[in-house]
Amino acid sequence: MPVRVKKLIGTLLILIWIFFYALFAVKLAATVLPDSHWVVQLAYYAFAGIAWIVPAGFLIQWMSEEPRRG
């Protein structure tokens, strides 16, 4: 698969992933965290704000791979 096509697919998948991840993270915070201590809320939002990067990193790595020859 050409790199340009992989980058297009990867970009679309990252955008879709971030959208649904954000919905899930906000829904989880709204149901679990309302009565939590502010330190717990801070830790959750810090973790949730960074955790989306791991799957996106795998997609970015896949997008940047050169096509295999042979």
C-alpha atoms as a PDB file:
ATOM      1  CA  MET A   1       0.000   0.000   0.000  1.00  0.00           C
ATOM      2  CA  PRO A   2       1.485   3.394  -0.917  1.00  0.00           C
ATOM      3  CA  VAL A   3       2.573   5.647   1.927  1.00  0.00           C
ATOM      4  CA  ARG A   4       0.169   8.404   0.869  1.00  0.00           C
ATOM      5  CA  VAL A   5      -2.818   6.072   1.145  1.00  0.00           C
ATOM      6  CA  LYS A   6      -1.600   4.766   4.499  1.00  0.00           C
ATOM      7  CA  LYS A   7      -1.266   8.337   5.771  1.00  0.00           C
ATOM      8  CA  LEU A   8      -4.786   9.175   4.636  1.00  0.00           C
ATOM      9  CA  ILE A   9      -6.255   6.062   6.268  1.00  0.00           C
ATOM     10  CA  GLY A  10      -4.189   6.578   9.414  1.00  0.00           C
ATOM     11  CA  THR A  11      -5.214  10.216   9.733  1.00  0.00           C
ATOM     12  CA  LEU A  12      -8.882   9.346   9.429  1.00  0.00           C
ATOM     13  CA  LEU A  13      -8.532   6.525  11.959  1.00  0.00           C
ATOM     14  CA  ILE A  14      -6.757   8.828  14.434  1.00  0.00           C
ATOM     15  CA  LEU A  15      -9.502  11.435  14.130  1.00  0.00           C
ATOM     16  CA  ILE A  16     -12.194   8.809  14.662  1.00  0.00           C
ATOM     17  CA  TRP A  17     -10.244   7.307  17.573  1.00  0.00           C
ATOM     18  CA  ILE A  18      -9.836  10.678  19.333  1.00  0.00           C
ATOM     19  CA  PHE A  19     -13.526  11.485  18.914  1.00  0.00           C
ATOM     20  CA  PHE A  20     -14.755   8.240  20.469  1.00  0.00           C
ATOM     21  CA  TYR A  21     -12.016   8.192  23.100  1.00  0.00           C
ATOM     22  CA  ALA A  22     -12.955  11.702  24.213  1.00  0.00           C
ATOM     23  CA  LEU A  23     -16.628  10.733  24.453  1.00  0.00           C
ATOM     24  CA  PHE A  24     -15.752   7.676  26.521  1.00  0.00           C
ATOM     25  CA  ALA A  25     -13.366   9.577  28.815  1.00  0.00           C
ATOM     26  CA  VAL A  26     -15.859  12.363  29.487  1.00  0.00           C
ATOM     27  CA  LYS A  27     -18.728   9.908  30.069  1.00  0.00           C
ATOM     28  CA  LEU A  28     -16.595   7.899  32.475  1.00  0.00           C
ATOM     29  CA  ALA A  29     -15.544  11.033  34.345  1.00  0.00           C
ATOM     30  CA  ALA A  30     -19.128  12.274  34.561  1.00  0.00           C
ATOM     31  CA  THR A  31     -20.381   9.011  36.027  1.00  0.00           C
ATOM     32  CA  VAL A  32     -17.490   8.044  38.311  1.00  0.00           C
ATOM     33  CA  LEU A  33     -15.742  11.240  39.395  1.00  0.00           C
ATOM     34  CA  PRO A  34     -18.350  13.837  40.450  1.00  0.00           C
ATOM     35  CA  ASP A  35     -17.903  13.272  44.197  1.00  0.00           C
ATOM     36  CA  SER A  36     -14.203  12.410  44.066  1.00  0.00           C
ATOM     37  CA  HIS A  37     -11.439  14.387  45.688  1.00  0.00           C
ATOM     38  CA  TRP A  38      -9.834  16.971  43.416  1.00  0.00           C
ATOM     39  CA  VAL A  39      -6.528  15.068  43.463  1.00  0.00           C
ATOM     40  CA  VAL A  40      -8.258  11.971  42.075  1.00  0.00           C
ATOM     41  CA  GLN A  41      -9.907  14.086  39.390  1.00  0.00           C
ATOM     42  CA  LEU A  42      -6.572  15.693  38.504  1.00  0.00           C
ATOM     43  CA  ALA A  43      -4.903  12.279  38.230  1.00  0.00           C
ATOM     44  CA  TYR A  44      -7.729  10.937  36.064  1.00  0.00           C
ATOM     45  CA  TYR A  45      -7.710  13.875  33.678  1.00  0.00           C
ATOM     46  CA  ALA A  46      -3.903  13.789  33.457  1.00  0.00           C
ATOM     47  CA  PHE A  47      -3.986  10.075  32.622  1.00  0.00           C
ATOM     48  CA  ALA A  48      -6.945  10.385  30.242  1.00  0.00           C
ATOM     49  CA  GLY A  49      -5.312  13.314  28.501  1.00  0.00           C
ATOM     50  CA  ILE A  50      -2.196  11.288  27.736  1.00  0.00           C
ATOM     51  CA  ALA A  51      -3.551   7.740  27.256  1.00  0.00           C
ATOM     52  CA  TRP A  52      -4.927   8.379  23.760  1.00  0.00           C
ATOM     53  CA  ILE A  53      -1.363   8.830  22.501  1.00  0.00           C
ATOM     54  CA  VAL A  54      -0.425   5.137  22.773  1.00  0.00           C
ATOM     55  CA  PRO A  55      -2.836   3.816  20.095  1.00  0.00           C
ATOM     56  CA  ALA A  56      -2.217   6.906  17.966  1.00  0.00           C
ATOM     57  CA  GLY A  57       1.514   6.217  18.176  1.00  0.00           C
ATOM     58  CA  PHE A  58       1.037   2.724  16.767  1.00  0.00           C
ATOM     59  CA  LEU A  59      -0.992   4.177  13.898  1.00  0.00           C
ATOM     60  CA  ILE A  60       1.639   6.821  13.203  1.00  0.00           C
ATOM     61  CA  GLN A  61       4.336   4.148  13.166  1.00  0.00           C
ATOM     62  CA  TRP A  62       2.277   2.080  10.713  1.00  0.00           C
ATOM     63  CA  MET A  63       1.659   5.145   8.542  1.00  0.00           C
ATOM     64  CA  SER A  64       5.360   5.948   8.237  1.00  0.00           C
ATOM     65  CA  GLU A  65       6.516   2.444   7.246  1.00  0.00           C
ATOM     66  CA  GLU A  66       7.740   2.109   3.720  1.00  0.00           C
ATOM     67  CA  PRO A  67       5.935  -0.374   1.496  1.00  0.00           C
ATOM     68  CA  ARG A  68       7.482  -3.819   1.371  1.00  0.00           C
ATOM     69  CA  ARG A  69       9.075  -4.826  -1.877  1.00  0.00           C
ATOM     70  CA  GLY A  70       8.949  -8.267  -3.219  1.00  0.00           C
END
